[in-house]
Amino acid sequence: MQIYFSILSVISGMMLMAAGAGMMTVFTPTVLGAAGFGTELIGVVVTANAAGMFCSCFAGGWLIRRVGHIRAFSCYASLVVLAMLALSQVALLPLWLGLRFVTGFCTNSVFMVAQSWLNEAAPADKRGRIMSFFYVSYTLSLGGGAFMLTRIDVSGSLPYLVAAAFSCLAIIPVSTTLLSSPDLPERFAVELRLWLRRCPVAIVGAFTSGALAMTLQGVGAIYGGMIGLTSSAIALMMAGTQMGNLVFQWPLGAISDRVDRRGVLLFAAVACFAVCLLLALLPTDWLPLIVLCFAILAGCGESLYALSTAHANDRAESGDHLSLASTLLVVWAGGATVGPIAATTALSQFGAIGMPLYFATVALAFGVYLLWRLSIREAAEHQPHEAYVPIPQSAMLADEATLYSDDKSVVWDELVNTDEV
């Protein structure tokens, strides 16, 4: 259990960052609309945030490689605090464009810090559960931050201050963590060709996750309107997606720690395919079953990213994790960009049934690909890991030092560097 208590500091810091980000995602169109900006201009500001997130996949790792994970996290979180305070002063479009780009860049950079750090620290036989827990916590915090905005006064500067406070508080658990910081990564570049060669299933899985899970969040409400659901029914249906994320990711991650992760990926793809076929056949007045289908589709679709990340890191070596995190995020963003375009095209061409047909096609294609990969390549053996022991950080000791012995007991008078943390 020690490893779970130790990673909780990093995950709690990310939850605080996510809460602030979730607030600003909802608050941005609200405050700009109240300031008199049109829908198109608000969309440009939203796009600026997304552009910052995308650019961080290529450039955000530079600071991590230069000063390490803990200092980079603190720096990026501090920049988000300053951006929130600056945004509270005036609703000028150029200011919002620039600062929302900065917040997108920094929030995605701290996500890369956490993802690469946790994957390097997690033993292979616990990696699926740890990463699933991380992604579920992050997603729920995003939703919690958005919900919190309904409970505070949005007419003044309080939302900015609360979002800034979340980012400031996030620095505390990360900077005081007992979890050993990884060695400075050797590189941080997006290396799509390298990872396609080393772990193609993870790359295709990350793209599929973006094309399924994020597309569902974007077009699910459109589908609900097309089949005649009321606003309250659509809200219930979309709430089911969050429940699916909560229910499915942890058990799928736990199972993947015991068997070939590609088999669990195949199960998730088959489940998505079967649910889409059921959704296409269900009468539109069977709301409970529709909500259940959305929950399964979202839960399995989101799980594809956590499982793909764990699978890729099973094949990664020390120093690879930051490059891998950047690459997977870029691929996921590609799926999240292409997916909504393809899904809305299917809706316009085939009507409401176009959405389940789109999801069924994507899930089927990924499932067939997995069957092919399973037939030509054996599973990656879990690398052996010594018993994990967290130790306090000290200005007098290198962050990378970890205490081990051959018989898995702690040797307190000798520091041994290891690549297996």
Protein backbone atom coordinates (compact mmCIF):
# COMPACT_ATOMS: atom_id res chain seq x y z
CA MET A 1 0.00 0.00 0.00
CA GLN A 2 2.99 2.34 0.42
CA ILE A 3 3.16 3.08 -3.29
CA TYR A 4 -0.48 4.22 -3.29
CA PHE A 5 0.02 6.57 -0.35
CA SER A 6 3.13 8.02 -1.98
CA ILE A 7 1.57 8.72 -5.36
CA LEU A 8 -1.43 10.34 -3.68
CA SER A 9 0.54 13.59 -3.29
CA VAL A 10 1.03 13.88 -7.05
CA ILE A 11 -2.55 12.87 -7.83
CA SER A 12 -3.99 15.30 -5.26
CA GLY A 13 -1.95 18.11 -6.79
CA MET A 14 -3.33 17.23 -10.22
CA MET A 15 -6.87 17.10 -8.84
CA LEU A 16 -6.50 20.65 -7.55
CA MET A 17 -5.15 21.80 -10.91
CA ALA A 18 -8.05 20.07 -12.68
CA ALA A 19 -10.63 21.72 -10.42
CA GLY A 20 -9.33 25.16 -11.38
CA ALA A 21 -9.18 24.22 -15.06
CA GLY A 22 -12.74 22.88 -14.96
CA MET A 23 -13.99 26.13 -13.47
CA MET A 24 -12.35 28.23 -16.15
CA THR A 25 -13.62 26.00 -18.96
CA VAL A 26 -17.20 26.88 -18.00
CA PHE A 27 -16.49 30.41 -16.79
CA THR A 28 -14.69 31.60 -19.94
CA PRO A 29 -17.72 31.68 -22.28
CA THR A 30 -19.86 33.04 -19.43
CA VAL A 31 -17.71 36.06 -18.65
CA LEU A 32 -16.91 36.85 -22.28
CA GLY A 33 -20.57 36.60 -23.25
CA ALA A 34 -21.47 39.00 -20.43
CA ALA A 35 -18.78 41.38 -21.73
CA GLY A 36 -20.51 41.53 -25.12
CA PHE A 37 -18.31 39.24 -27.21
CA GLY A 38 -20.01 37.20 -29.91
CA THR A 39 -20.03 33.43 -30.20
CA GLU A 40 -17.29 33.37 -32.85
CA LEU A 41 -14.89 35.44 -30.74
CA ILE A 42 -15.59 33.30 -27.69
CA GLY A 43 -14.81 30.26 -29.82
CA VAL A 44 -11.47 31.80 -30.76
CA VAL A 45 -10.58 32.19 -27.07
CA VAL A 46 -11.57 28.59 -26.38
CA THR A 47 -9.41 27.51 -29.32
CA ALA A 48 -6.47 29.49 -27.90
CA ASN A 49 -6.61 27.35 -24.76
CA ALA A 50 -6.66 24.18 -26.86
CA ALA A 51 -3.78 25.48 -28.98
CA GLY A 52 -1.72 26.05 -25.84
CA MET A 53 -2.37 22.48 -24.73
CA PHE A 54 -1.31 21.15 -28.12
CA CYS A 55 1.88 23.23 -28.22
CA SER A 56 2.87 22.06 -24.74
CA CYS A 57 3.16 18.50 -26.06
CA PHE A 58 6.11 19.68 -28.16
CA ALA A 59 7.67 22.34 -25.93
CA GLY A 60 6.44 21.79 -22.36
CA GLY A 61 8.93 19.01 -21.70
CA TRP A 62 11.90 21.36 -22.14
CA LEU A 63 11.58 22.76 -18.62
CA ILE A 64 10.98 19.29 -17.15
CA ARG A 65 14.19 18.06 -18.76
CA ARG A 66 16.11 21.11 -17.52
CA VAL A 67 15.01 21.34 -13.84
CA GLY A 68 13.13 18.11 -13.09
CA HIS A 69 9.52 17.17 -12.45
CA ILE A 70 8.90 18.86 -9.09
CA ARG A 71 10.36 22.25 -10.02
CA ALA A 72 8.67 22.21 -13.44
CA PHE A 73 5.31 21.46 -11.83
CA SER A 74 5.74 24.38 -9.41
CA CYS A 75 6.78 26.73 -12.20
CA TYR A 76 3.87 25.87 -14.50
CA ALA A 77 1.32 26.00 -11.67
CA SER A 78 2.66 29.42 -10.62
CA LEU A 79 2.23 30.72 -14.17
CA VAL A 80 -1.41 29.59 -14.09
CA VAL A 81 -1.91 31.52 -10.83
CA LEU A 82 -0.48 34.68 -12.39
CA ALA A 83 -2.60 34.22 -15.52
CA MET A 84 -5.80 33.90 -13.45
CA LEU A 85 -4.99 37.08 -11.54
CA ALA A 86 -4.26 38.95 -14.77
CA LEU A 87 -7.51 37.76 -16.36
CA SER A 88 -9.50 39.12 -13.43
CA GLN A 89 -8.54 42.69 -14.27
CA VAL A 90 -10.27 43.31 -17.61
CA ALA A 91 -12.06 41.37 -20.38
CA LEU A 92 -9.87 42.42 -23.32
CA LEU A 93 -9.84 39.96 -26.21
CA PRO A 94 -6.05 40.09 -26.89
CA LEU A 95 -5.37 39.60 -23.17
CA TRP A 96 -7.71 36.62 -22.98
CA LEU A 97 -6.27 35.08 -26.12
CA GLY A 98 -2.71 35.25 -24.81
CA LEU A 99 -3.42 34.21 -21.24
CA ARG A 100 -5.76 31.36 -22.13
CA PHE A 101 -3.01 30.07 -24.42
CA VAL A 102 -0.65 30.24 -21.43
CA THR A 103 -3.07 28.44 -19.11
CA GLY A 104 -3.65 25.72 -21.70
CA PHE A 105 0.09 25.30 -22.19
CA CYS A 106 0.80 25.12 -18.46
CA THR A 107 -2.09 22.85 -17.43
CA ASN A 108 -1.19 20.33 -20.11
CA SER A 109 2.49 20.56 -19.14
CA VAL A 110 1.73 19.66 -15.51
CA PHE A 111 -0.36 16.78 -16.85
CA MET A 112 2.73 15.56 -18.70
CA VAL A 113 4.74 15.93 -15.49
CA ALA A 114 2.29 13.77 -13.57
CA GLN A 115 1.76 11.17 -16.29
CA SER A 116 5.45 10.57 -16.93
CA TRP A 117 6.29 10.67 -13.21
CA LEU A 118 3.61 8.20 -12.17
CA ASN A 119 4.40 5.82 -15.01
CA GLU A 120 8.07 5.77 -14.05
CA ALA A 121 7.35 5.33 -10.34
CA ALA A 122 4.65 2.68 -10.70
CA PRO A 123 5.66 -0.98 -10.59
CA ALA A 124 4.52 -2.77 -13.74
CA ASP A 125 2.17 -5.05 -11.80
CA LYS A 126 0.34 -2.01 -10.37
CA ARG A 127 0.65 0.44 -13.26
CA GLY A 128 -2.81 -0.20 -14.72
CA ARG A 129 -4.55 0.48 -11.42
CA ILE A 130 -2.45 3.54 -10.63
CA MET A 131 -2.98 5.17 -14.01
CA SER A 132 -6.69 4.37 -14.02
CA PHE A 133 -7.04 5.93 -10.58
CA PHE A 134 -5.13 8.99 -11.78
CA TYR A 135 -7.30 9.53 -14.87
CA VAL A 136 -10.55 8.96 -12.97
CA SER A 137 -9.50 11.43 -10.26
CA TYR A 138 -8.49 14.03 -12.83
CA THR A 139 -11.72 13.69 -14.80
CA LEU A 140 -13.93 13.89 -11.71
CA SER A 141 -12.06 16.98 -10.53
CA LEU A 142 -12.64 18.68 -13.88
CA GLY A 143 -16.36 18.07 -13.47
CA GLY A 144 -16.26 19.10 -9.83
CA GLY A 145 -14.65 22.41 -10.71
CA ALA A 146 -17.31 23.11 -13.31
CA PHE A 147 -20.05 22.24 -10.81
CA MET A 148 -18.49 24.49 -8.17
CA LEU A 149 -18.96 27.45 -10.49
CA THR A 150 -22.73 27.09 -10.03
CA ARG A 151 -22.29 27.74 -6.31
CA ILE A 152 -20.33 30.98 -6.38
CA ASP A 153 -20.97 34.50 -7.63
CA VAL A 154 -19.74 34.77 -11.22
CA SER A 155 -20.29 38.52 -11.53
CA GLY A 156 -17.11 39.54 -9.74
CA SER A 157 -13.51 38.42 -9.43
CA LEU A 158 -14.20 35.49 -7.08
CA PRO A 159 -14.03 32.77 -9.79
CA TYR A 160 -10.57 33.95 -10.85
CA LEU A 161 -9.37 33.98 -7.25
CA VAL A 162 -10.76 30.50 -6.55
CA ALA A 163 -9.16 29.09 -9.72
CA ALA A 164 -5.85 30.75 -8.79
CA ALA A 165 -6.12 29.36 -5.26
CA PHE A 166 -6.58 25.82 -6.59
CA SER A 167 -3.42 26.10 -8.69
CA CYS A 168 -1.50 27.58 -5.78
CA LEU A 169 -2.64 24.82 -3.42
CA ALA A 170 -1.63 22.19 -6.00
CA ILE A 171 2.02 23.13 -5.50
CA ILE A 172 1.97 22.14 -1.82
CA PRO A 173 1.45 18.35 -2.03
CA VAL A 174 3.73 18.01 -5.06
CA SER A 175 6.59 20.05 -3.60
CA THR A 176 6.42 18.15 -0.29
CA THR A 177 5.93 14.68 -1.74
CA LEU A 178 7.80 11.66 -0.44
CA LEU A 179 7.70 10.13 -3.91
CA SER A 180 11.17 10.09 -5.39
CA SER A 181 11.50 12.39 -8.39
CA PRO A 182 12.63 10.67 -11.60
CA ASP A 183 16.03 11.32 -13.11
CA LEU A 184 16.17 14.24 -15.52
CA PRO A 185 14.76 12.82 -18.76
CA GLU A 186 17.19 12.37 -21.61
CA ARG A 187 14.75 13.81 -24.17
CA PHE A 188 11.25 15.21 -24.39
CA ALA A 189 10.50 15.33 -28.11
CA VAL A 190 7.36 13.86 -29.67
CA GLU A 191 8.70 10.69 -31.31
CA LEU A 192 5.77 9.18 -33.13
CA ARG A 193 7.86 6.97 -35.42
CA LEU A 194 9.84 5.51 -32.53
CA TRP A 195 6.78 4.62 -30.45
CA LEU A 196 4.86 3.31 -33.42
CA ARG A 197 7.70 0.87 -33.91
CA ARG A 198 8.10 -0.03 -30.24
CA CYS A 199 4.45 -0.17 -29.07
CA PRO A 200 2.01 0.43 -31.96
CA VAL A 201 -0.99 -0.84 -29.98
CA ALA A 202 -0.58 1.99 -27.46
CA ILE A 203 -0.39 4.64 -30.18
CA VAL A 204 -3.48 3.33 -31.98
CA GLY A 205 -5.24 2.92 -28.63
CA ALA A 206 -4.56 6.51 -27.60
CA PHE A 207 -5.91 7.77 -30.94
CA THR A 208 -8.98 5.55 -30.59
CA SER A 209 -9.64 6.81 -27.07
CA GLY A 210 -9.65 10.40 -28.29
CA ALA A 211 -11.89 9.45 -31.21
CA LEU A 212 -14.37 7.67 -28.91
CA ALA A 213 -14.44 9.22 -25.44
CA MET A 214 -13.92 12.88 -26.31
CA THR A 215 -16.21 12.66 -29.31
CA LEU A 216 -18.95 11.25 -27.10
CA GLN A 217 -18.69 14.28 -24.84
CA GLY A 218 -18.98 16.59 -27.83
CA VAL A 219 -21.75 14.97 -29.88
CA GLY A 220 -23.66 13.06 -27.20
CA ALA A 221 -25.96 16.00 -26.47
CA ILE A 222 -26.57 16.49 -30.22
CA TYR A 223 -27.56 12.85 -30.51
CA GLY A 224 -29.92 13.21 -27.55
CA GLY A 225 -31.65 16.15 -29.20
CA MET A 226 -31.99 14.28 -32.49
CA ILE A 227 -33.78 11.33 -30.85
CA GLY A 228 -36.18 13.69 -29.07
CA LEU A 229 -34.89 13.64 -25.49
CA THR A 230 -35.75 16.52 -23.18
CA SER A 231 -33.04 18.75 -21.69
CA SER A 232 -33.23 16.97 -18.35
CA ALA A 233 -32.98 13.57 -20.05
CA ILE A 234 -29.93 14.73 -22.04
CA ALA A 235 -28.32 15.98 -18.83
CA LEU A 236 -28.97 12.58 -17.21
CA MET A 237 -27.55 10.79 -20.25
CA MET A 238 -24.36 12.85 -20.17
CA ALA A 239 -24.07 12.39 -16.40
CA GLY A 240 -24.05 8.67 -17.15
CA THR A 241 -20.78 9.14 -19.05
CA GLN A 242 -19.08 10.45 -15.91
CA MET A 243 -20.47 7.56 -13.89
CA GLY A 244 -19.10 5.17 -16.50
CA ASN A 245 -15.66 6.74 -16.15
CA LEU A 246 -15.82 6.20 -12.40
CA VAL A 247 -17.09 2.61 -12.50
CA PHE A 248 -15.14 0.99 -15.34
CA GLN A 249 -11.61 2.39 -15.37
CA TRP A 250 -10.36 1.02 -12.06
CA PRO A 251 -11.44 -2.63 -12.52
CA LEU A 252 -10.18 -2.70 -16.11
CA GLY A 253 -6.85 -1.29 -14.96
CA ALA A 254 -6.65 -3.83 -12.15
CA ILE A 255 -7.33 -6.72 -14.54
CA SER A 256 -4.68 -5.42 -16.96
CA ASP A 257 -2.07 -5.71 -14.20
CA ARG A 258 -2.63 -9.47 -14.14
CA VAL A 259 -3.05 -10.37 -17.81
CA ASP A 260 -1.88 -9.14 -21.21
CA ARG A 261 -3.08 -5.54 -21.37
CA ARG A 262 -3.88 -5.96 -25.05
CA GLY A 263 -6.51 -8.53 -24.10
CA VAL A 264 -8.19 -5.98 -21.81
CA LEU A 265 -8.00 -3.40 -24.59
CA LEU A 266 -9.72 -5.90 -26.87
CA PHE A 267 -12.44 -6.48 -24.27
CA ALA A 268 -13.05 -2.72 -23.99
CA ALA A 269 -13.24 -2.38 -27.79
CA VAL A 270 -15.68 -5.30 -28.08
CA ALA A 271 -17.81 -3.81 -25.28
CA CYS A 272 -17.95 -0.46 -27.11
CA PHE A 273 -18.92 -2.20 -30.35
CA ALA A 274 -21.68 -4.27 -28.71
CA VAL A 275 -23.11 -1.28 -26.86
CA CYS A 276 -23.20 0.78 -30.06
CA LEU A 277 -25.18 -1.96 -31.82
CA LEU A 278 -27.61 -2.05 -28.89
CA LEU A 279 -27.88 1.74 -28.92
CA ALA A 280 -28.79 1.70 -32.61
CA LEU A 281 -31.63 -0.76 -31.93
CA LEU A 282 -33.05 0.68 -28.70
CA PRO A 283 -36.36 2.58 -28.76
CA THR A 284 -35.81 6.22 -27.93
CA ASP A 285 -38.13 6.08 -24.90
CA TRP A 286 -35.95 3.51 -23.08
CA LEU A 287 -34.01 6.20 -21.25
CA PRO A 288 -32.47 4.03 -18.47
CA LEU A 289 -30.92 1.68 -21.04
CA ILE A 290 -29.70 4.61 -23.14
CA VAL A 291 -28.01 6.09 -20.05
CA LEU A 292 -26.44 2.70 -19.30
CA CYS A 293 -25.15 2.43 -22.88
CA PHE A 294 -23.57 5.87 -22.64
CA ALA A 295 -21.98 4.94 -19.31
CA ILE A 296 -20.43 1.76 -20.75
CA LEU A 297 -19.31 3.51 -23.94
CA ALA A 298 -17.69 6.37 -22.04
CA GLY A 299 -16.11 4.16 -19.38
CA CYS A 300 -14.59 1.71 -21.86
CA GLY A 301 -13.60 4.49 -24.27
CA GLU A 302 -11.80 6.46 -21.56
CA SER A 303 -10.16 3.28 -20.27
CA LEU A 304 -8.46 2.79 -23.63
CA TYR A 305 -6.12 5.71 -22.90
CA ALA A 306 -5.16 4.53 -19.40
CA LEU A 307 -4.62 0.98 -20.64
CA SER A 308 -2.65 2.15 -23.67
CA THR A 309 -0.44 4.32 -21.49
CA ALA A 310 0.27 1.44 -19.12
CA HIS A 311 0.97 -0.90 -22.04
CA ALA A 312 3.41 1.56 -23.64
CA ASN A 313 5.28 2.14 -20.39
CA ASP A 314 5.69 -1.61 -19.95
CA ARG A 315 7.93 -1.40 -23.02
CA ALA A 316 9.61 1.90 -22.08
CA GLU A 317 13.06 2.28 -20.60
CA SER A 318 14.39 4.76 -18.07
CA GLY A 319 14.42 8.23 -19.59
CA ASP A 320 11.69 7.39 -22.10
CA HIS A 321 8.63 8.31 -20.05
CA LEU A 322 8.44 12.04 -20.80
CA SER A 323 8.88 11.51 -24.54
CA LEU A 324 6.24 8.80 -24.41
CA ALA A 325 3.80 11.00 -22.47
CA SER A 326 4.20 13.82 -25.01
CA THR A 327 3.70 11.46 -27.93
CA LEU A 328 0.61 9.81 -26.48
CA LEU A 329 -0.99 13.18 -25.71
CA VAL A 330 -0.41 14.41 -29.26
CA VAL A 331 -1.92 11.22 -30.69
CA TRP A 332 -4.88 11.42 -28.32
CA ALA A 333 -5.45 15.06 -29.33
CA GLY A 334 -5.43 13.97 -32.97
CA GLY A 335 -8.19 11.47 -32.27
CA ALA A 336 -10.14 14.04 -30.26
CA THR A 337 -9.89 16.46 -33.21
CA VAL A 338 -10.77 14.07 -36.03
CA GLY A 339 -13.47 12.19 -34.10
CA PRO A 340 -16.06 14.99 -33.67
CA ILE A 341 -15.71 15.97 -37.33
CA ALA A 342 -16.33 12.39 -38.47
CA ALA A 343 -19.17 11.86 -35.98
CA THR A 344 -21.03 15.05 -36.90
CA THR A 345 -20.62 14.16 -40.58
CA ALA A 346 -22.19 10.76 -39.86
CA LEU A 347 -25.05 12.46 -38.02
CA SER A 348 -25.71 14.79 -40.94
CA GLN A 349 -25.59 11.95 -43.48
CA PHE A 350 -27.49 9.20 -41.66
CA GLY A 351 -29.45 11.00 -38.96
CA ALA A 352 -29.39 9.97 -35.30
CA ILE A 353 -28.27 6.42 -36.08
CA GLY A 354 -25.07 7.88 -37.53
CA MET A 355 -23.58 8.34 -34.04
CA PRO A 356 -23.73 4.69 -32.92
CA LEU A 357 -22.62 3.64 -36.40
CA TYR A 358 -19.58 5.89 -36.14
CA PHE A 359 -18.61 4.56 -32.70
CA ALA A 360 -19.23 0.95 -33.75
CA THR A 361 -16.98 1.41 -36.80
CA VAL A 362 -14.13 2.88 -34.76
CA ALA A 363 -14.39 0.22 -32.05
CA LEU A 364 -14.57 -2.59 -34.62
CA ALA A 365 -11.51 -1.31 -36.49
CA PHE A 366 -9.51 -1.13 -33.26
CA GLY A 367 -10.68 -4.59 -32.21
CA VAL A 368 -9.62 -6.13 -35.51
CA TYR A 369 -6.24 -4.40 -35.25
CA LEU A 370 -5.77 -5.79 -31.73
CA LEU A 371 -6.55 -9.33 -32.89
CA TRP A 372 -3.90 -8.99 -35.58
CA ARG A 373 -1.31 -7.66 -33.11
CA LEU A 374 -2.09 -10.43 -30.63
CA SER A 375 -1.45 -12.99 -33.36
CA ILE A 376 1.99 -11.68 -34.33
CA ARG A 377 3.57 -10.42 -31.09
CA GLU A 378 3.81 -11.89 -27.62
CA ALA A 379 2.87 -9.94 -24.53
CA ALA A 380 5.46 -7.73 -22.88
CA GLU A 381 6.68 -9.35 -19.71
CA HIS A 382 6.29 -7.17 -16.66
CA GLN A 383 9.69 -5.93 -15.65
CA PRO A 384 10.65 -6.98 -12.11
CA HIS A 385 10.38 -4.26 -9.50
CA GLU A 386 11.85 -4.15 -6.05
CA ALA A 387 9.64 -3.32 -3.10
CA TYR A 388 8.91 0.40 -3.23
CA VAL A 389 9.99 2.48 -0.24
CA PRO A 390 9.30 6.26 -0.20
CA ILE A 391 11.86 8.44 1.54
CA PRO A 392 11.77 12.14 2.46
CA GLN A 393 13.42 14.55 0.08
CA SER A 394 16.32 16.64 1.35
CA ALA A 395 18.31 19.49 -0.04
CA MET A 396 21.36 17.46 0.88
CA LEU A 397 20.30 14.37 -1.09
CA ALA A 398 19.65 13.93 -4.78
CA ASP A 399 15.94 13.57 -5.59
CA GLU A 400 16.66 10.46 -7.60
CA ALA A 401 18.13 8.46 -4.71
CA THR A 402 16.03 5.52 -3.56
CA LEU A 403 16.79 2.92 -0.92
CA TYR A 404 16.87 -0.75 -1.85
CA SER A 405 18.68 -3.97 -1.09
CA ASP A 406 18.92 -7.31 -2.87
CA ASP A 407 16.58 -8.97 -0.36
CA LYS A 408 14.04 -6.13 -0.81
CA SER A 409 14.71 -4.69 2.65
CA VAL A 410 15.86 -1.14 3.22
CA VAL A 411 19.56 -0.44 3.56
CA TRP A 412 19.73 2.90 5.28
CA ASP A 413 23.46 3.45 5.03
CA GLU A 414 23.74 3.08 1.28
CA LEU A 415 22.14 4.98 -1.56
CA VAL A 416 21.77 3.02 -4.78
CA ASN A 417 20.48 4.57 -8.00
CA THR A 418 18.03 2.35 -9.85
CA ASP A 419 16.20 2.56 -13.16
CA GLU A 420 13.37 0.32 -11.94
CA VAL A 421 11.46 2.84 -9.87
